Amino acid sequence: MSILSWILFGLIAGAVAKLILPGKDPGGIIVTIGIGVVGGLLGGWLGSSFFGGGGISGFNLASFGWAVLGSLILLLLYRLVFHKSRG
């Protein structure tokens, strides 16, 4: 799957990650989009690393799941870093 596909998945995955982990995050929609895009790329990399080139391909539920997982990981890390720097 191409990087452009993972960016597109990431846009949607960022919104889904925000629905799964609601809460007040600084930065609003711009940060959520950024986390989603980078999370989609992270999820694509993780999926490809675990399953090789043939494991993740095309727009399917498994690929979307990896994108959401990557977005959730980044959202959690973002909250941990922001929470520590805030206190």
Protein backbone atom coordinates (compact mmCIF):
# COMPACT_ATOMS: atom_id res chain seq x y z
CA MET A 1 0.00 0.00 0.00
CA SER A 2 1.39 3.41 -0.87
CA ILE A 3 2.23 6.20 1.53
CA LEU A 4 -0.58 8.29 0.06
CA SER A 5 -3.07 5.58 0.99
CA TRP A 6 -1.77 5.50 4.55
CA ILE A 7 -2.13 9.29 4.78
CA LEU A 8 -5.74 9.02 3.64
CA PHE A 9 -6.35 6.19 6.10
CA GLY A 10 -4.65 8.30 8.76
CA LEU A 11 -7.08 11.17 8.33
CA ILE A 12 -9.98 8.87 9.10
CA ALA A 13 -8.06 6.86 11.71
CA GLY A 14 -7.26 10.03 13.67
CA ALA A 15 -10.96 10.79 13.99
CA VAL A 16 -11.71 7.20 15.05
CA ALA A 17 -8.87 7.27 17.60
CA LYS A 18 -10.30 10.50 19.03
CA LEU A 19 -13.72 8.82 19.31
CA ILE A 20 -12.16 5.85 21.12
CA LEU A 21 -10.13 8.08 23.46
CA PRO A 22 -12.22 11.22 23.95
CA GLY A 23 -10.94 14.08 26.03
CA LYS A 24 -9.57 17.58 25.86
CA ASP A 25 -6.41 17.71 23.82
CA PRO A 26 -4.55 20.90 23.00
CA GLY A 27 -4.29 21.81 19.35
CA GLY A 28 -7.80 20.81 18.36
CA ILE A 29 -8.56 19.47 14.91
CA ILE A 30 -5.14 20.28 13.43
CA VAL A 31 -3.28 18.17 16.00
CA THR A 32 -5.85 15.37 15.64
CA ILE A 33 -5.34 15.34 11.87
CA GLY A 34 -1.56 15.34 12.31
CA ILE A 35 -1.69 12.51 14.83
CA GLY A 36 -4.00 10.59 12.50
CA VAL A 37 -1.75 11.00 9.46
CA VAL A 38 1.44 10.10 11.31
CA GLY A 39 -0.41 7.32 13.14
CA GLY A 40 -1.62 5.93 9.82
CA LEU A 41 1.96 5.87 8.58
CA LEU A 42 3.10 4.25 11.85
CA GLY A 43 0.33 1.66 11.57
CA GLY A 44 1.31 0.91 7.98
CA TRP A 45 4.91 0.46 9.00
CA LEU A 46 3.98 -1.78 11.95
CA GLY A 47 1.66 -3.90 9.81
CA SER A 48 4.24 -4.26 7.06
CA SER A 49 6.94 -5.10 9.61
CA PHE A 50 4.85 -7.83 11.23
CA PHE A 51 3.31 -9.27 8.08
CA GLY A 52 5.79 -8.36 5.36
CA GLY A 53 4.84 -6.86 2.02
CA GLY A 54 1.89 -9.18 1.39
CA GLY A 55 0.18 -8.85 4.76
CA ILE A 56 -1.16 -5.30 4.44
CA SER A 57 -2.50 -4.22 1.09
CA GLY A 58 -5.32 -2.15 -0.26
CA PHE A 59 -8.20 -0.48 1.49
CA ASN A 60 -9.49 -3.19 3.77
CA LEU A 61 -10.48 -3.64 7.39
CA ALA A 62 -7.10 -5.01 8.48
CA SER A 63 -5.25 -2.05 6.98
CA PHE A 64 -7.67 0.37 8.59
CA GLY A 65 -7.20 -1.41 11.91
CA TRP A 66 -3.44 -0.89 11.69
CA ALA A 67 -3.94 2.79 10.92
CA VAL A 68 -6.26 3.20 13.92
CA LEU A 69 -3.80 1.31 16.14
CA GLY A 70 -0.96 3.60 15.06
CA SER A 71 -3.14 6.65 15.74
CA LEU A 72 -4.12 5.37 19.18
CA ILE A 73 -0.47 4.77 20.07
CA LEU A 74 0.48 8.29 19.04
CA LEU A 75 -2.51 9.85 20.79
CA LEU A 76 -1.59 8.09 24.03
CA LEU A 77 2.05 9.15 23.71
CA TYR A 78 0.98 12.71 22.95
CA ARG A 79 -1.18 12.79 26.06
CA LEU A 80 1.60 11.36 28.22
CA VAL A 81 4.11 13.94 26.99
CA PHE A 82 1.65 16.84 27.26
CA HIS A 83 0.49 15.79 30.72
CA LYS A 84 4.07 15.61 32.03
CA SER A 85 5.07 18.95 30.51
CA ARG A 86 1.95 20.59 31.91
CA GLY A 87 2.64 19.72 35.54
